[in-house]
Amino acid sequence: MAHSSFPVNAAITVITSGPANERHVQPPKSTIDTIADLLRHLNLGLEDRATLISLLVGDDGEAALGEAGEAGPATPIPAIAPVPAPVPVPVLAIAPVPALVPAVAPVPAVAPVPAVAPVPAVAPVPVPVPDMPVPIIAPEFEDDADEMLSCLANNSTLMEYSGVYFNVPSSTTAEPPFYCIMRGRQLGVFSGWEAAGPYVVGVSAVRYNKVESVSRGISKMKSAIDAGQAQRVV
């Protein structure tokens, strides 16, 4: 803080008059006015002004004088400590508050689904038709064709003995039990009751026997024909 120079001694004027060596000290101005002039030349704050006035002015409001009514030596004005510049308050940088919601990881791109090759059309599977016995009628039997067809049973092969037609299983893998029907709706040897039953149930005076094999049934059938006991009931 800059101070204006002001002669403190000029605040008191010495005037000589009357008898020799007689001096009278008379301030041209009051002490308060002199101090006021001094304060106007100094750029002081209110607290500094109050401090300076307390140093220059006594309790009675007048400036202190030296012995014998003389003004004492000028009291030096104490250097006033400069008012420190205000310390700037540092502004604390506040870190941003992290978001409470966690960042969602990006969804990986889905690979395109390859095109599905068209399924080729499936050729229809032929259903095997079991071989059905097809009677072959020799020329000499053409006159008996109708009778032969009527004597042919399902899943059977037609045989002839002494002018009598009878049936045997058409499959070589036919399994027992075998039934030899000598009097019934159809004549011959049949594999299983499912094949033989419809030709004997409900027939009066029916004759049939259970045999061990197809060959044994053929022998029994021929014996019945020879004995005249083979008869087809229509």
Protein backbone atom coordinates (compact mmCIF):
# COMPACT_ATOMS: atom_id res chain seq x y z
CA MET A 1 0.00 0.00 0.00
CA ALA A 2 1.52 3.38 -1.09
CA HIS A 3 1.84 6.15 1.53
CA SER A 4 1.72 9.91 0.64
CA SER A 5 4.59 11.89 2.17
CA PHE A 6 3.35 14.45 4.70
CA PRO A 7 5.67 16.61 6.93
CA VAL A 8 4.59 15.89 10.47
CA ASN A 9 6.66 18.82 11.82
CA ALA A 10 4.69 21.20 9.68
CA ALA A 11 1.70 20.43 11.79
CA ILE A 12 3.15 22.67 14.57
CA THR A 13 4.26 26.30 13.91
CA VAL A 14 6.64 28.16 16.35
CA ILE A 15 5.93 31.91 16.66
CA THR A 16 8.37 34.28 18.51
CA SER A 17 7.04 37.58 19.98
CA GLY A 18 7.45 39.70 23.11
CA PRO A 19 10.58 39.60 25.24
CA ALA A 20 13.63 37.97 23.83
CA ASN A 21 14.08 34.31 24.19
CA GLU A 22 10.44 33.89 25.01
CA ARG A 23 8.75 31.39 22.77
CA HIS A 24 5.17 30.49 22.52
CA VAL A 25 4.03 27.29 20.90
CA GLN A 26 0.72 27.65 19.22
CA PRO A 27 -0.59 25.14 16.82
CA PRO A 28 -2.14 26.82 13.84
CA LYS A 29 -4.74 24.16 13.76
CA SER A 30 -6.22 21.88 16.28
CA THR A 31 -4.61 18.51 16.70
CA ILE A 32 -7.67 16.77 15.37
CA ASP A 33 -7.61 18.89 12.19
CA THR A 34 -3.96 18.16 11.67
CA ILE A 35 -4.57 14.44 12.06
CA ALA A 36 -7.53 14.66 9.74
CA ASP A 37 -5.31 16.35 7.11
CA LEU A 38 -2.77 13.56 7.59
CA LEU A 39 -5.37 10.85 7.20
CA ARG A 40 -6.69 12.43 4.02
CA HIS A 41 -3.24 12.12 2.45
CA LEU A 42 -2.95 8.46 3.46
CA ASN A 43 -4.89 5.74 1.82
CA LEU A 44 -5.83 3.90 5.01
CA GLY A 45 -8.66 1.68 5.99
CA LEU A 46 -10.94 2.30 8.94
CA GLU A 47 -9.01 0.01 11.30
CA ASP A 48 -5.66 1.55 10.30
CA ARG A 49 -7.05 5.07 10.82
CA ALA A 50 -8.29 4.18 14.32
CA THR A 51 -4.87 2.75 15.22
CA LEU A 52 -3.04 5.86 13.97
CA ILE A 53 -5.36 8.22 15.87
CA SER A 54 -4.83 6.27 19.11
CA LEU A 55 -1.06 6.69 18.70
CA LEU A 56 -1.11 10.42 17.92
CA VAL A 57 -3.88 11.62 20.27
CA GLY A 58 -3.85 11.22 24.06
CA ASP A 59 -6.74 10.42 26.28
CA ASP A 60 -7.75 14.14 26.35
CA GLY A 61 -7.91 14.40 22.62
CA GLU A 62 -4.79 16.61 22.21
CA ALA A 63 -1.43 15.72 20.76
CA ALA A 64 1.26 14.76 23.29
CA LEU A 65 3.93 17.55 23.89
CA GLY A 66 7.45 17.34 25.21
CA GLU A 67 8.76 18.86 28.44
CA ALA A 68 8.39 22.68 29.10
CA GLY A 69 5.49 22.88 26.82
CA GLU A 70 7.58 22.19 23.81
CA ALA A 71 6.54 19.86 21.21
CA GLY A 72 8.47 16.73 21.43
CA PRO A 73 10.14 15.12 18.54
CA ALA A 74 7.83 13.97 15.85
CA THR A 75 6.52 10.56 16.57
CA PRO A 76 7.33 8.35 13.61
CA ILE A 77 4.34 6.81 12.00
CA PRO A 78 4.62 3.07 12.32
CA ALA A 79 4.74 1.21 9.13
CA ILE A 80 1.43 -0.34 8.49
CA ALA A 81 1.68 -3.89 7.40
CA PRO A 82 0.10 -4.37 4.02
CA VAL A 83 -3.16 -6.11 4.08
CA PRO A 84 -2.53 -9.53 2.64
CA ALA A 85 -4.38 -10.24 -0.49
CA PRO A 86 -7.22 -12.64 0.07
CA VAL A 87 -6.15 -16.20 -0.53
CA PRO A 88 -8.22 -17.66 -3.29
CA VAL A 89 -10.23 -20.59 -2.11
CA PRO A 90 -9.38 -23.55 -4.29
CA VAL A 91 -12.33 -24.99 -6.09
CA LEU A 92 -12.42 -28.69 -5.58
CA ALA A 93 -13.17 -30.54 -8.75
CA ILE A 94 -15.80 -33.12 -7.91
CA ALA A 95 -15.35 -36.31 -9.80
CA PRO A 96 -18.49 -37.36 -11.60
CA VAL A 97 -20.51 -39.95 -9.74
CA PRO A 98 -20.40 -43.17 -11.69
CA ALA A 99 -23.71 -44.41 -12.94
CA LEU A 100 -25.33 -47.00 -10.69
CA VAL A 101 -26.62 -48.98 -13.63
CA PRO A 102 -23.81 -51.12 -15.07
CA ALA A 103 -23.08 -50.68 -18.69
CA VAL A 104 -24.79 -53.33 -20.76
CA ALA A 105 -22.42 -55.29 -22.92
CA PRO A 106 -23.31 -55.03 -26.59
CA VAL A 107 -25.21 -57.98 -27.93
CA PRO A 108 -23.00 -59.89 -30.36
CA ALA A 109 -24.23 -60.01 -33.87
CA VAL A 110 -26.07 -63.23 -34.67
CA ALA A 111 -24.58 -65.15 -37.52
CA PRO A 112 -27.02 -65.55 -40.37
CA VAL A 113 -28.68 -68.92 -40.53
CA PRO A 114 -27.57 -70.73 -43.66
CA ALA A 115 -30.27 -71.51 -46.11
CA VAL A 116 -31.63 -75.02 -45.77
CA ALA A 117 -31.31 -77.04 -48.89
CA PRO A 118 -34.66 -78.27 -50.12
CA VAL A 119 -35.39 -81.86 -49.24
CA PRO A 120 -35.59 -83.89 -52.39
CA ALA A 121 -38.86 -85.58 -53.04
CA VAL A 122 -38.90 -89.13 -51.83
CA ALA A 123 -39.91 -91.60 -54.39
CA PRO A 124 -42.84 -93.69 -53.26
CA VAL A 125 -41.77 -97.02 -51.89
CA PRO A 126 -43.64 -99.79 -53.55
CA VAL A 127 -45.50 -101.95 -51.09
CA PRO A 128 -44.68 -105.54 -51.72
CA VAL A 129 -47.75 -107.52 -52.50
CA PRO A 130 -47.56 -111.07 -51.23
CA ASP A 131 -47.45 -113.56 -53.95
CA MET A 132 -50.87 -114.96 -54.47
CA PRO A 133 -51.10 -118.35 -56.01
CA VAL A 134 -52.22 -117.99 -59.57
CA PRO A 135 -53.62 -121.27 -60.75
CA ILE A 136 -52.23 -122.43 -64.02
CA ILE A 137 -54.80 -124.49 -65.77
CA ALA A 138 -53.47 -126.99 -68.23
CA PRO A 139 -55.35 -127.37 -71.50
CA GLU A 140 -56.66 -130.76 -70.46
CA PHE A 141 -58.26 -129.19 -67.41
CA GLU A 142 -59.84 -126.20 -69.12
CA ASP A 143 -63.26 -127.75 -68.82
CA ASP A 144 -62.77 -127.91 -65.00
CA ALA A 145 -61.48 -124.34 -64.67
CA ASP A 146 -64.52 -123.03 -62.81
CA GLU A 147 -64.45 -125.92 -60.38
CA MET A 148 -60.71 -125.46 -59.75
CA LEU A 149 -61.14 -121.78 -58.93
CA SER A 150 -63.95 -122.49 -56.54
CA CYS A 151 -61.82 -125.10 -54.75
CA LEU A 152 -58.83 -122.75 -54.27
CA ALA A 153 -58.54 -121.34 -50.70
CA ASN A 154 -56.66 -118.25 -49.56
CA ASN A 155 -52.85 -118.52 -49.23
CA SER A 156 -52.96 -122.00 -50.69
CA THR A 157 -51.80 -123.97 -53.67
CA LEU A 158 -54.27 -126.29 -55.38
CA MET A 159 -53.36 -129.98 -55.84
CA GLU A 160 -55.28 -132.74 -57.65
CA TYR A 161 -55.47 -136.38 -56.77
CA SER A 162 -57.78 -138.89 -58.46
CA GLY A 163 -59.90 -136.07 -59.86
CA VAL A 164 -60.29 -134.36 -56.45
CA TYR A 165 -58.82 -130.90 -55.84
CA PHE A 166 -57.45 -129.98 -52.39
CA ASN A 167 -55.29 -127.22 -50.90
CA VAL A 168 -51.80 -127.10 -49.34
CA PRO A 169 -50.00 -124.00 -47.86
CA SER A 170 -48.45 -121.89 -50.61
CA SER A 171 -45.59 -120.77 -48.34
CA THR A 172 -42.68 -123.10 -47.77
CA THR A 173 -42.19 -121.49 -44.31
CA ALA A 174 -45.65 -122.37 -43.02
CA GLU A 175 -45.55 -123.34 -39.35
CA PRO A 176 -47.60 -125.84 -37.35
CA PRO A 177 -50.10 -126.62 -36.13
CA PHE A 178 -51.47 -128.07 -39.38
CA TYR A 179 -55.04 -129.24 -39.93
CA CYS A 180 -56.13 -131.72 -42.57
CA ILE A 181 -59.77 -131.10 -43.57
CA MET A 182 -61.39 -134.08 -45.27
CA ARG A 183 -65.00 -132.85 -45.09
CA GLY A 184 -65.66 -129.08 -45.01
CA ARG A 185 -66.17 -125.99 -47.11
CA GLN A 186 -62.64 -126.45 -48.49
CA LEU A 187 -60.46 -129.55 -48.55
CA GLY A 188 -56.75 -129.86 -47.90
CA VAL A 189 -53.99 -129.06 -45.39
CA PHE A 190 -54.01 -125.62 -43.69
CA SER A 191 -51.46 -123.83 -41.42
CA GLY A 192 -52.99 -122.66 -38.13
CA TRP A 193 -56.54 -122.57 -36.83
CA GLU A 194 -57.07 -119.06 -38.25
CA ALA A 195 -56.81 -120.53 -41.74
CA ALA A 196 -58.64 -123.82 -41.09
CA GLY A 197 -61.45 -122.68 -38.71
CA PRO A 198 -63.69 -120.84 -41.25
CA TYR A 199 -63.91 -124.02 -43.37
CA VAL A 200 -65.09 -126.35 -40.62
CA VAL A 201 -67.10 -124.28 -38.12
CA GLY A 202 -70.83 -124.78 -38.71
CA VAL A 203 -70.40 -127.66 -41.14
CA SER A 204 -72.43 -130.76 -40.32
CA ALA A 205 -70.58 -134.07 -40.09
CA VAL A 206 -67.29 -132.22 -40.46
CA ARG A 207 -64.09 -134.27 -40.56
CA TYR A 208 -60.65 -132.89 -39.91
CA ASN A 209 -57.53 -133.90 -38.01
CA LYS A 210 -54.54 -132.13 -36.57
CA VAL A 211 -51.32 -133.37 -38.24
CA GLU A 212 -47.61 -132.93 -37.55
CA SER A 213 -46.53 -131.69 -41.01
CA VAL A 214 -47.77 -130.78 -44.49
CA SER A 215 -46.50 -134.05 -45.98
CA ARG A 216 -48.34 -136.04 -43.31
CA GLY A 217 -51.49 -134.06 -44.11
CA ILE A 218 -51.15 -134.78 -47.85
CA SER A 219 -50.81 -138.50 -47.18
CA LYS A 220 -53.88 -138.45 -44.94
CA MET A 221 -55.80 -136.47 -47.61
CA LYS A 222 -54.95 -138.99 -50.32
CA SER A 223 -56.03 -141.84 -48.09
CA ALA A 224 -59.40 -140.13 -47.54
CA ILE A 225 -59.83 -139.67 -51.30
CA ASP A 226 -59.03 -143.30 -51.92
CA ALA A 227 -61.54 -144.30 -49.25
CA GLY A 228 -64.17 -142.03 -50.76
CA GLN A 229 -64.32 -139.98 -47.56
CA ALA A 230 -63.14 -136.64 -49.01
CA GLN A 231 -66.13 -134.39 -49.62
CA ARG A 232 -66.38 -130.64 -50.17
CA VAL A 233 -69.54 -129.16 -48.68
CA VAL A 234 -70.77 -126.14 -50.64
